[in-house]
Every structure is written in C-alpha cells, then in structure tokens.
Amino acid sequence: MKPVVVHRPELQAFVMAAVADSGDAGAATRAVCAYRRQGDTLVLHHTEVPAALQGQGLAAVLVQAALDWARAERLQVRPVCSYVSAYMRLHPDTLDLLKPPG
C-alpha cells in the first residue's frame, strides 16, 4: 500500500499516518515534514519518521510532497533540516527550488 501524505497547513506540516509492523500489533504512528512559510519561502526545518518505520523511504515521500507543493505554489525552499538538504542534493531536479543565499 502506497503511503498517503496529507498537507496540514494548520500544523504547517506534511504528515503521514502509518501502521508500524512491530511488537505493538497495529500501532499507529505519524511521520512528519514540518515547515514555516516566510513570504515566498518555504523553510523546511524538521523531518521525522518514528524508529519503527525507518528504512522504508517514508521521509523521502514526505519531503517530495513538500517540494511538489512548493513548486505548485511557486515558492522557494530553504532546507534547514539536514535530511531535506541531503535529499535535494541527491535529486538535482529539485535544486531549482533552492532560495539563493543572502
């Protein structure tokens, strides 16, 4: 089943509810990519995936959703989160979204 990302503007976050395949049978958890909007800039400052869900590419799905939204809204991106920075370096097609320094 493909993970579903929901944009929650009231939380300034993209969230994904998922079920952990762990000792807690069916334990629901939440992954998040949080942001602050500053004018025409989307500051991506935190990405978190619970330990039970790590290693499945969920952070990448969340970040790509945030970047897709930034592109649709014609926003520039300032990646403060180290994961977002690394993701963008590995995906050159996202580099045009970077806010120039200064």
PDB file of N, CA and C in Angstrom:
ATOM      1  N   MET A   1       0.846  -1.190   0.000  1.00  0.00           N
ATOM      2  CA  MET A   1       0.000   0.000   0.000  1.00  0.00           C
ATOM      3  C   MET A   1       0.886   1.246   0.000  1.00  0.00           C
ATOM      4  N   LYS A   2       0.605   2.172  -0.907  1.00  0.00           N
ATOM      5  CA  LYS A   2       1.395   3.405  -1.006  1.00  0.00           C
ATOM      6  C   LYS A   2       1.050   4.336   0.154  1.00  0.00           C
ATOM      7  N   PRO A   3       2.081   4.916   0.783  1.00  0.00           N
ATOM      8  CA  PRO A   3       1.813   5.835   1.891  1.00  0.00           C
ATOM      9  C   PRO A   3       1.057   7.069   1.396  1.00  0.00           C
ATOM     10  N   VAL A   4       0.168   7.566   2.224  1.00  0.00           N
ATOM     11  CA  VAL A   4      -0.623   8.747   1.878  1.00  0.00           C
ATOM     12  C   VAL A   4      -0.128   9.922   2.708  1.00  0.00           C
ATOM     13  N   VAL A   5       0.277  10.971   2.008  1.00  0.00           N
ATOM     14  CA  VAL A   5       0.748  12.194   2.659  1.00  0.00           C
ATOM     15  C   VAL A   5      -0.385  13.204   2.625  1.00  0.00           C
ATOM     16  N   VAL A   6      -0.626  13.838   3.763  1.00  0.00           N
ATOM     17  CA  VAL A   6      -1.670  14.851   3.877  1.00  0.00           C
ATOM     18  C   VAL A   6      -1.009  16.167   4.270  1.00  0.00           C
ATOM     19  N   HIS A   7      -1.331  17.223   3.513  1.00  0.00           N
ATOM     20  CA  HIS A   7      -0.841  18.556   3.865  1.00  0.00           C
ATOM     21  C   HIS A   7      -1.757  19.114   4.940  1.00  0.00           C
ATOM     22  N   ARG A   8      -1.188  19.489   6.072  1.00  0.00           N
ATOM     23  CA  ARG A   8      -1.940  20.057   7.192  1.00  0.00           C
ATOM     24  C   ARG A   8      -1.451  21.478   7.429  1.00  0.00           C
ATOM     25  N   PRO A   9      -1.972  22.452   6.632  1.00  0.00           N
ATOM     26  CA  PRO A   9      -1.490  23.832   6.767  1.00  0.00           C
ATOM     27  C   PRO A   9      -1.637  24.389   8.178  1.00  0.00           C
ATOM     28  N   GLU A  10      -2.673  23.960   8.897  1.00  0.00           N
ATOM     29  CA  GLU A  10      -2.872  24.476  10.252  1.00  0.00           C
ATOM     30  C   GLU A  10      -1.751  24.027  11.190  1.00  0.00           C
ATOM     31  N   LEU A  11      -1.080  22.932  10.832  1.00  0.00           N
ATOM     32  CA  LEU A  11       0.068  22.451  11.602  1.00  0.00           C
ATOM     33  C   LEU A  11       1.397  22.850  10.967  1.00  0.00           C
ATOM     34  N   GLN A  12       1.315  23.466   9.782  1.00  0.00           N
ATOM     35  CA  GLN A  12       2.494  23.781   8.983  1.00  0.00           C
ATOM     36  C   GLN A  12       3.340  22.515   8.806  1.00  0.00           C
ATOM     37  N   ALA A  13       2.682  21.482   8.283  1.00  0.00           N
ATOM     38  CA  ALA A  13       3.363  20.202   8.143  1.00  0.00           C
ATOM     39  C   ALA A  13       2.697  19.327   7.084  1.00  0.00           C
ATOM     40  N   PHE A  14       3.502  18.433   6.565  1.00  0.00           N
ATOM     41  CA  PHE A  14       3.016  17.331   5.748  1.00  0.00           C
ATOM     42  C   PHE A  14       3.116  16.112   6.648  1.00  0.00           C
ATOM     43  N   VAL A  15       2.036  15.372   6.781  1.00  0.00           N
ATOM     44  CA  VAL A  15       2.015  14.246   7.713  1.00  0.00           C
ATOM     45  C   VAL A  15       1.593  12.967   7.001  1.00  0.00           C
ATOM     46  N   MET A  16       2.023  11.879   7.587  1.00  0.00           N
ATOM     47  CA  MET A  16       1.692  10.565   7.067  1.00  0.00           C
ATOM     48  C   MET A  16       1.387   9.672   8.258  1.00  0.00           C
ATOM     49  N   ALA A  17       0.194   9.140   8.289  1.00  0.00           N
ATOM     50  CA  ALA A  17      -0.145   8.163   9.317  1.00  0.00           C
ATOM     51  C   ALA A  17       0.195   6.801   8.741  1.00  0.00           C
ATOM     52  N   ALA A  18       0.823   5.963   9.530  1.00  0.00           N
ATOM     53  CA  ALA A  18       1.204   4.639   9.059  1.00  0.00           C
ATOM     54  C   ALA A  18       1.055   3.659  10.205  1.00  0.00           C
ATOM     55  N   VAL A  19       1.042   2.414   9.861  1.00  0.00           N
ATOM     56  CA  VAL A  19       0.958   1.368  10.876  1.00  0.00           C
ATOM     57  C   VAL A  19       2.317   0.705  10.979  1.00  0.00           C
ATOM     58  N   ALA A  20       2.830   0.680  12.185  1.00  0.00           N
ATOM     59  CA  ALA A  20       4.142   0.080  12.410  1.00  0.00           C
ATOM     60  C   ALA A  20       4.020  -1.430  12.472  1.00  0.00           C
ATOM     61  N   ASP A  21       4.918  -2.103  11.802  1.00  0.00           N
ATOM     62  CA  ASP A  21       4.975  -3.559  11.855  1.00  0.00           C
ATOM     63  C   ASP A  21       5.973  -3.927  12.940  1.00  0.00           C
ATOM     64  N   SER A  22       5.518  -3.826  14.180  1.00  0.00           N
ATOM     65  CA  SER A  22       6.424  -4.049  15.307  1.00  0.00           C
ATOM     66  C   SER A  22       5.726  -4.889  16.362  1.00  0.00           C
ATOM     67  N   GLY A  23       6.293  -4.939  17.537  1.00  0.00           N
ATOM     68  CA  GLY A  23       5.715  -5.699  18.635  1.00  0.00           C
ATOM     69  C   GLY A  23       4.326  -5.221  19.017  1.00  0.00           C
ATOM     70  N   ASP A  24       4.052  -3.926  18.824  1.00  0.00           N
ATOM     71  CA  ASP A  24       2.722  -3.392  19.107  1.00  0.00           C
ATOM     72  C   ASP A  24       1.865  -3.647  17.881  1.00  0.00           C
ATOM     73  N   ALA A  25       1.112  -4.697  17.901  1.00  0.00           N
ATOM     74  CA  ALA A  25       0.317  -5.083  16.729  1.00  0.00           C
ATOM     75  C   ALA A  25      -0.558  -3.927  16.285  1.00  0.00           C
ATOM     76  N   GLY A  26      -0.267  -3.411  15.082  1.00  0.00           N
ATOM     77  CA  GLY A  26      -1.092  -2.350  14.515  1.00  0.00           C
ATOM     78  C   GLY A  26      -0.911  -0.999  15.165  1.00  0.00           C
ATOM     79  N   ALA A  27       0.208  -0.761  15.819  1.00  0.00           N
ATOM     80  CA  ALA A  27       0.426   0.528  16.467  1.00  0.00           C
ATOM     81  C   ALA A  27       0.495   1.634  15.409  1.00  0.00           C
ATOM     82  N   ALA A  28      -0.376   2.603  15.520  1.00  0.00           N
ATOM     83  CA  ALA A  28      -0.382   3.716  14.572  1.00  0.00           C
ATOM     84  C   ALA A  28       0.672   4.733  14.982  1.00  0.00           C
ATOM     85  N   THR A  29       1.390   5.233  14.000  1.00  0.00           N
ATOM     86  CA  THR A  29       2.405   6.239  14.254  1.00  0.00           C
ATOM     87  C   THR A  29       2.288   7.315  13.188  1.00  0.00           C
ATOM     88  N   ARG A  30       3.016   8.404  13.379  1.00  0.00           N
ATOM     89  CA  ARG A  30       2.929   9.516  12.442  1.00  0.00           C
ATOM     90  C   ARG A  30       4.317   9.999  12.060  1.00  0.00           C
ATOM     91  N   ALA A  31       4.510  10.149  10.761  1.00  0.00           N
ATOM     92  CA  ALA A  31       5.737  10.737  10.240  1.00  0.00           C
ATOM     93  C   ALA A  31       5.392  12.158   9.802  1.00  0.00           C
ATOM     94  N   VAL A  32       6.385  13.056   9.863  1.00  0.00           N
ATOM     95  CA  VAL A  32       6.093  14.464   9.596  1.00  0.00           C
ATOM     96  C   VAL A  32       7.264  15.169   8.915  1.00  0.00           C
ATOM     97  N   CYS A  33       6.919  16.114   8.043  1.00  0.00           N
ATOM     98  CA  CYS A  33       7.873  17.066   7.481  1.00  0.00           C
ATOM     99  C   CYS A  33       7.293  18.449   7.790  1.00  0.00           C
ATOM    100  N   ALA A  34       7.920  19.148   8.721  1.00  0.00           N
ATOM    101  CA  ALA A  34       7.396  20.419   9.217  1.00  0.00           C
ATOM    102  C   ALA A  34       8.057  21.591   8.508  1.00  0.00           C
ATOM    103  N   TYR A  35       7.296  22.677   8.393  1.00  0.00           N
ATOM    104  CA  TYR A  35       7.793  23.867   7.700  1.00  0.00           C
ATOM    105  C   TYR A  35       7.309  25.143   8.362  1.00  0.00           C
ATOM    106  N   ARG A  36       7.941  26.237   7.963  1.00  0.00           N
ATOM    107  CA  ARG A  36       7.465  27.599   8.259  1.00  0.00           C
ATOM    108  C   ARG A  36       7.404  28.302   6.917  1.00  0.00           C
ATOM    109  N   ARG A  37       6.367  29.027   6.696  1.00  0.00           N
ATOM    110  CA  ARG A  37       6.289  29.814   5.462  1.00  0.00           C
ATOM    111  C   ARG A  37       6.670  31.241   5.797  1.00  0.00           C
ATOM    112  N   GLN A  38       7.651  31.766   5.071  1.00  0.00           N
ATOM    113  CA  GLN A  38       8.112  33.141   5.258  1.00  0.00           C
ATOM    114  C   GLN A  38       8.029  33.830   3.908  1.00  0.00           C
ATOM    115  N   GLY A  39       6.916  34.501   3.669  1.00  0.00           N
ATOM    116  CA  GLY A  39       6.709  35.164   2.382  1.00  0.00           C
ATOM    117  C   GLY A  39       6.675  34.146   1.267  1.00  0.00           C
ATOM    118  N   ASP A  40       7.585  34.294   0.305  1.00  0.00           N
ATOM    119  CA  ASP A  40       7.632  33.362  -0.821  1.00  0.00           C
ATOM    120  C   ASP A  40       8.632  32.231  -0.591  1.00  0.00           C
ATOM    121  N   THR A  41       8.986  32.005   0.680  1.00  0.00           N
ATOM    122  CA  THR A  41       9.956  30.964   1.017  1.00  0.00           C
ATOM    123  C   THR A  41       9.329  29.925   1.934  1.00  0.00           C
ATOM    124  N   LEU A  42       9.574  28.661   1.600  1.00  0.00           N
ATOM    125  CA  LEU A  42       9.164  27.553   2.442  1.00  0.00           C
ATOM    126  C   LEU A  42      10.401  27.062   3.174  1.00  0.00           C
ATOM    127  N   VAL A  43      10.429  27.257   4.484  1.00  0.00           N
ATOM    128  CA  VAL A  43      11.552  26.820   5.304  1.00  0.00           C
ATOM    129  C   VAL A  43      11.216  25.430   5.836  1.00  0.00           C
ATOM    130  N   LEU A  44      11.895  24.426   5.320  1.00  0.00           N
ATOM    131  CA  LEU A  44      11.681  23.044   5.764  1.00  0.00           C
ATOM    132  C   LEU A  44      12.656  22.780   6.899  1.00  0.00           C
ATOM    133  N   HIS A  45      12.125  22.712   8.131  1.00  0.00           N
ATOM    134  CA  HIS A  45      13.004  22.698   9.298  1.00  0.00           C
ATOM    135  C   HIS A  45      13.050  21.388  10.071  1.00  0.00           C
ATOM    136  N   HIS A  46      12.160  20.439   9.765  1.00  0.00           N
ATOM    137  CA  HIS A  46      12.196  19.202  10.551  1.00  0.00           C
ATOM    138  C   HIS A  46      11.491  18.080   9.801  1.00  0.00           C
ATOM    139  N   THR A  47      12.156  16.948   9.716  1.00  0.00           N
ATOM    140  CA  THR A  47      11.561  15.738   9.163  1.00  0.00           C
ATOM    141  C   THR A  47      11.781  14.626  10.168  1.00  0.00           C
ATOM    142  N   GLU A  48      10.700  13.897  10.481  1.00  0.00           N
ATOM    143  CA  GLU A  48      10.818  12.835  11.482  1.00  0.00           C
ATOM    144  C   GLU A  48       9.969  11.640  11.081  1.00  0.00           C
ATOM    145  N   VAL A  49      10.585  10.482  11.160  1.00  0.00           N
ATOM    146  CA  VAL A  49       9.898   9.219  10.943  1.00  0.00           C
ATOM    147  C   VAL A  49      10.154   8.372  12.184  1.00  0.00           C
ATOM    148  N   PRO A  50       9.107   7.853  12.824  1.00  0.00           N
ATOM    149  CA  PRO A  50       9.309   7.023  14.013  1.00  0.00           C
ATOM    150  C   PRO A  50      10.242   5.846  13.730  1.00  0.00           C
ATOM    151  N   ALA A  51      11.004   5.456  14.734  1.00  0.00           N
ATOM    152  CA  ALA A  51      12.001   4.384  14.585  1.00  0.00           C
ATOM    153  C   ALA A  51      11.401   3.119  13.975  1.00  0.00           C
ATOM    154  N   ALA A  52      10.204   2.771  14.361  1.00  0.00           N
ATOM    155  CA  ALA A  52       9.577   1.538  13.866  1.00  0.00           C
ATOM    156  C   ALA A  52       9.300   1.587  12.367  1.00  0.00           C
ATOM    157  N   LEU A  53       9.320   2.795  11.778  1.00  0.00           N
ATOM    158  CA  LEU A  53       9.005   2.946  10.354  1.00  0.00           C
ATOM    159  C   LEU A  53      10.197   3.356   9.511  1.00  0.00           C
ATOM    160  N   GLN A  54      11.350   3.532  10.126  1.00  0.00           N
ATOM    161  CA  GLN A  54      12.516   3.991   9.382  1.00  0.00           C
ATOM    162  C   GLN A  54      13.011   2.928   8.412  1.00  0.00           C
ATOM    163  N   GLY A  55      13.698   3.385   7.367  1.00  0.00           N
ATOM    164  CA  GLY A  55      14.264   2.476   6.392  1.00  0.00           C
ATOM    165  C   GLY A  55      13.309   2.057   5.286  1.00  0.00           C
ATOM    166  N   GLN A  56      12.145   2.687   5.221  1.00  0.00           N
ATOM    167  CA  GLN A  56      11.143   2.336   4.210  1.00  0.00           C
ATOM    168  C   GLN A  56      10.963   3.432   3.164  1.00  0.00           C
ATOM    169  N   GLY A  57      11.772   4.490   3.262  1.00  0.00           N
ATOM    170  CA  GLY A  57      11.672   5.578   2.298  1.00  0.00           C
ATOM    171  C   GLY A  57      10.552   6.562   2.571  1.00  0.00           C
ATOM    172  N   LEU A  58       9.985   6.518   3.766  1.00  0.00           N
ATOM    173  CA  LEU A  58       8.851   7.396   4.077  1.00  0.00           C
ATOM    174  C   LEU A  58       9.261   8.857   4.175  1.00  0.00           C
ATOM    175  N   ALA A  59      10.450   9.134   4.699  1.00  0.00           N
ATOM    176  CA  ALA A  59      10.918  10.521   4.781  1.00  0.00           C
ATOM    177  C   ALA A  59      11.029  11.114   3.375  1.00  0.00           C
ATOM    178  N   ALA A  60      11.514  10.330   2.433  1.00  0.00           N
ATOM    179  CA  ALA A  60      11.636  10.803   1.052  1.00  0.00           C
ATOM    180  C   ALA A  60      10.267  11.126   0.459  1.00  0.00           C
ATOM    181  N   VAL A  61       9.282  10.304   0.756  1.00  0.00           N
ATOM    182  CA  VAL A  61       7.926  10.551   0.258  1.00  0.00           C
ATOM    183  C   VAL A  61       7.387  11.854   0.831  1.00  0.00           C
ATOM    184  N   LEU A  62       7.602  12.075   2.125  1.00  0.00           N
ATOM    185  CA  LEU A  62       7.152  13.314   2.772  1.00  0.00           C
ATOM    186  C   LEU A  62       7.834  14.540   2.171  1.00  0.00           C
ATOM    187  N   VAL A  63       9.150  14.468   2.034  1.00  0.00           N
ATOM    188  CA  VAL A  63       9.899  15.615   1.519  1.00  0.00           C
ATOM    189  C   VAL A  63       9.503  15.908   0.077  1.00  0.00           C
ATOM    190  N   GLN A  64       9.346  14.872  -0.735  1.00  0.00           N
ATOM    191  CA  GLN A  64       8.949  15.103  -2.121  1.00  0.00           C
ATOM    192  C   GLN A  64       7.575  15.762  -2.191  1.00  0.00           C
ATOM    193  N   ALA A  65       6.662  15.383  -1.310  1.00  0.00           N
ATOM    194  CA  ALA A  65       5.339  16.017  -1.277  1.00  0.00           C
ATOM    195  C   ALA A  65       5.465  17.502  -0.939  1.00  0.00           C
ATOM    196  N   ALA A  66       6.312  17.819   0.029  1.00  0.00           N
ATOM    197  CA  ALA A  66       6.523  19.226   0.405  1.00  0.00           C
ATOM    198  C   ALA A  66       7.133  20.008  -0.757  1.00  0.00           C
ATOM    199  N   LEU A  67       8.098  19.412  -1.435  1.00  0.00           N
ATOM    200  CA  LEU A  67       8.743  20.091  -2.565  1.00  0.00           C
ATOM    201  C   LEU A  67       7.784  20.247  -3.748  1.00  0.00           C
ATOM    202  N   ASP A  68       6.951  19.249  -3.974  1.00  0.00           N
ATOM    203  CA  ASP A  68       5.936  19.354  -5.035  1.00  0.00           C
ATOM    204  C   ASP A  68       4.980  20.505  -4.739  1.00  0.00           C
ATOM    205  N   TRP A  69       4.598  20.642  -3.466  1.00  0.00           N
ATOM    206  CA  TRP A  69       3.687  21.721  -3.082  1.00  0.00           C
ATOM    207  C   TRP A  69       4.373  23.079  -3.247  1.00  0.00           C
ATOM    208  N   ALA A  70       5.636  23.149  -2.842  1.00  0.00           N
ATOM    209  CA  ALA A  70       6.387  24.403  -3.004  1.00  0.00           C
ATOM    210  C   ALA A  70       6.432  24.797  -4.477  1.00  0.00           C
ATOM    211  N   ARG A  71       6.680  23.841  -5.345  1.00  0.00           N
ATOM    212  CA  ARG A  71       6.733  24.130  -6.782  1.00  0.00           C
ATOM    213  C   ARG A  71       5.368  24.616  -7.283  1.00  0.00           C
ATOM    214  N   ALA A  72       4.310  23.935  -6.872  1.00  0.00           N
ATOM    215  CA  ALA A  72       2.961  24.319  -7.306  1.00  0.00           C
ATOM    216  C   ALA A  72       2.586  25.718  -6.828  1.00  0.00           C
ATOM    217  N   GLU A  73       3.080  26.091  -5.652  1.00  0.00           N
ATOM    218  CA  GLU A  73       2.788  27.404  -5.069  1.00  0.00           C
ATOM    219  C   GLU A  73       3.798  28.469  -5.498  1.00  0.00           C
ATOM    220  N   ARG A  74       4.767  28.069  -6.305  1.00  0.00           N
ATOM    221  CA  ARG A  74       5.838  28.965  -6.779  1.00  0.00           C
ATOM    222  C   ARG A  74       6.651  29.555  -5.623  1.00  0.00           C
ATOM    223  N   LEU A  75       6.966  28.693  -4.666  1.00  0.00           N
ATOM    224  CA  LEU A  75       7.753  29.086  -3.505  1.00  0.00           C
ATOM    225  C   LEU A  75       9.201  28.649  -3.693  1.00  0.00           C
ATOM    226  N   GLN A  76      10.095  29.388  -3.084  1.00  0.00           N
ATOM    227  CA  GLN A  76      11.482  28.963  -2.993  1.00  0.00           C
ATOM    228  C   GLN A  76      11.623  28.173  -1.697  1.00  0.00           C
ATOM    229  N   VAL A  77      12.631  27.338  -1.630  1.00  0.00           N
ATOM    230  CA  VAL A  77      12.803  26.459  -0.471  1.00  0.00           C
ATOM    231  C   VAL A  77      14.128  26.757   0.218  1.00  0.00           C
ATOM    232  N   ARG A  78      14.056  26.841   1.542  1.00  0.00           N
ATOM    233  CA  ARG A  78      15.274  26.926   2.359  1.00  0.00           C
ATOM    234  C   ARG A  78      15.295  25.690   3.250  1.00  0.00           C
ATOM    235  N   PRO A  79      16.140  24.712   2.919  1.00  0.00           N
ATOM    236  CA  PRO A  79      16.186  23.473   3.703  1.00  0.00           C
ATOM    237  C   PRO A  79      17.072  23.613   4.936  1.00  0.00           C
ATOM    238  N   VAL A  80      16.454  23.798   6.080  1.00  0.00           N
ATOM    239  CA  VAL A  80      17.185  23.871   7.342  1.00  0.00           C
ATOM    240  C   VAL A  80      17.412  22.458   7.882  1.00  0.00           C
ATOM    241  N   CYS A  81      16.490  21.573   7.614  1.00  0.00           N
ATOM    242  CA  CYS A  81      16.583  20.166   8.023  1.00  0.00           C
ATOM    243  C   CYS A  81      17.680  19.479   7.215  1.00  0.00           C
ATOM    244  N   SER A  82      18.572  18.783   7.884  1.00  0.00           N
ATOM    245  CA  SER A  82      19.688  18.120   7.197  1.00  0.00           C
ATOM    246  C   SER A  82      19.196  17.038   6.232  1.00  0.00           C
ATOM    247  N   TYR A  83      18.104  16.372   6.568  1.00  0.00           N
ATOM    248  CA  TYR A  83      17.578  15.349   5.657  1.00  0.00           C
ATOM    249  C   TYR A  83      17.092  15.989   4.362  1.00  0.00           C
ATOM    250  N   VAL A  84      16.381  17.103   4.469  1.00  0.00           N
ATOM    251  CA  VAL A  84      15.885  17.792   3.269  1.00  0.00           C
ATOM    252  C   VAL A  84      17.052  18.264   2.411  1.00  0.00           C
ATOM    253  N   SER A  85      18.082  18.811   3.039  1.00  0.00           N
ATOM    254  CA  SER A  85      19.271  19.249   2.289  1.00  0.00           C
ATOM    255  C   SER A  85      19.886  18.093   1.522  1.00  0.00           C
ATOM    256  N   ALA A  86      20.061  16.965   2.197  1.00  0.00           N
ATOM    257  CA  ALA A  86      20.652  15.791   1.552  1.00  0.00           C
ATOM    258  C   ALA A  86      19.753  15.273   0.432  1.00  0.00           C
ATOM    259  N   TYR A  87      18.449  15.263   0.673  1.00  0.00           N
ATOM    260  CA  TYR A  87      17.501  14.797  -0.344  1.00  0.00           C
ATOM    261  C   TYR A  87      17.613  15.655  -1.602  1.00  0.00           C
ATOM    262  N   MET A  88      17.676  16.957  -1.415  1.00  0.00           N
ATOM    263  CA  MET A  88      17.740  17.855  -2.564  1.00  0.00           C
ATOM    264  C   MET A  88      19.054  17.688  -3.328  1.00  0.00           C
ATOM    265  N   ARG A  89      20.152  17.463  -2.614  1.00  0.00           N
ATOM    266  CA  ARG A  89      21.432  17.226  -3.295  1.00  0.00           C
ATOM    267  C   ARG A  89      21.371  15.952  -4.133  1.00  0.00           C
ATOM    268  N   LEU A  90      20.669  14.940  -3.645  1.00  0.00           N
ATOM    269  CA  LEU A  90      20.561  13.667  -4.358  1.00  0.00           C
ATOM    270  C   LEU A  90      19.529  13.698  -5.488  1.00  0.00           C
ATOM    271  N   HIS A  91      18.706  14.731  -5.516  1.00  0.00           N
ATOM    272  CA  HIS A  91      17.662  14.872  -6.540  1.00  0.00           C
ATOM    273  C   HIS A  91      17.826  16.234  -7.222  1.00  0.00           C
ATOM    274  N   PRO A  92      18.733  16.309  -8.204  1.00  0.00           N
ATOM    275  CA  PRO A  92      19.052  17.588  -8.850  1.00  0.00           C
ATOM    276  C   PRO A  92      17.846  18.294  -9.469  1.00  0.00           C
ATOM    277  N   ASP A  93      16.794  17.539  -9.768  1.00  0.00           N
ATOM    278  CA  ASP A  93      15.599  18.164 -10.335  1.00  0.00           C
ATOM    279  C   ASP A  93      14.878  19.062  -9.336  1.00  0.00           C
ATOM    280  N   THR A  94      15.287  19.033  -8.071  1.00  0.00           N
ATOM    281  CA  THR A  94      14.674  19.897  -7.058  1.00  0.00           C
ATOM    282  C   THR A  94      15.501  21.149  -6.771  1.00  0.00           C
ATOM    283  N   LEU A  95      16.723  21.192  -7.284  1.00  0.00           N
ATOM    284  CA  LEU A  95      17.635  22.286  -6.931  1.00  0.00           C
ATOM    285  C   LEU A  95      17.172  23.658  -7.399  1.00  0.00           C
ATOM    286  N   ASP A  96      16.331  23.697  -8.430  1.00  0.00           N
ATOM    287  CA  ASP A  96      15.822  24.996  -8.896  1.00  0.00           C
ATOM    288  C   ASP A  96      14.911  25.653  -7.858  1.00  0.00           C
ATOM    289  N   LEU A  97      14.471  24.886  -6.874  1.00  0.00           N
ATOM    290  CA  LEU A  97      13.603  25.434  -5.822  1.00  0.00           C
ATOM    291  C   LEU A  97      14.397  26.163  -4.732  1.00  0.00           C
ATOM    292  N   LEU A  98      15.702  25.910  -4.666  1.00  0.00           N
ATOM    293  CA  LEU A  98      16.515  26.490  -3.587  1.00  0.00           C
ATOM    294  C   LEU A  98      16.502  28.012  -3.610  1.00  0.00           C
ATOM    295  N   LYS A  99      16.309  28.576  -2.436  1.00  0.00           N
ATOM    296  CA  LYS A  99      16.398  30.030  -2.293  1.00  0.00           C
ATOM    297  C   LYS A  99      17.868  30.412  -2.326  1.00  0.00           C
ATOM    298  N   PRO A 100      18.235  31.355  -3.170  1.00  0.00           N
ATOM    299  CA  PRO A 100      19.641  31.778  -3.224  1.00  0.00           C
ATOM    300  C   PRO A 100      20.068  32.346  -1.861  1.00  0.00           C
ATOM    301  N   PRO A 101      21.315  32.115  -1.458  1.00  0.00           N
ATOM    302  CA  PRO A 101      21.794  32.663  -0.190  1.00  0.00           C
ATOM    303  C   PRO A 101      21.771  34.193  -0.201  1.00  0.00           C
ATOM    304  N   GLY A 102      21.554  34.730   0.986  1.00  0.00           N
ATOM    305  CA  GLY A 102      21.642  36.180   1.083  1.00  0.00           C
ATOM    306  C   GLY A 102      20.454  36.863   1.524  1.00  0.00           C
TER     307      GLY A 102
END
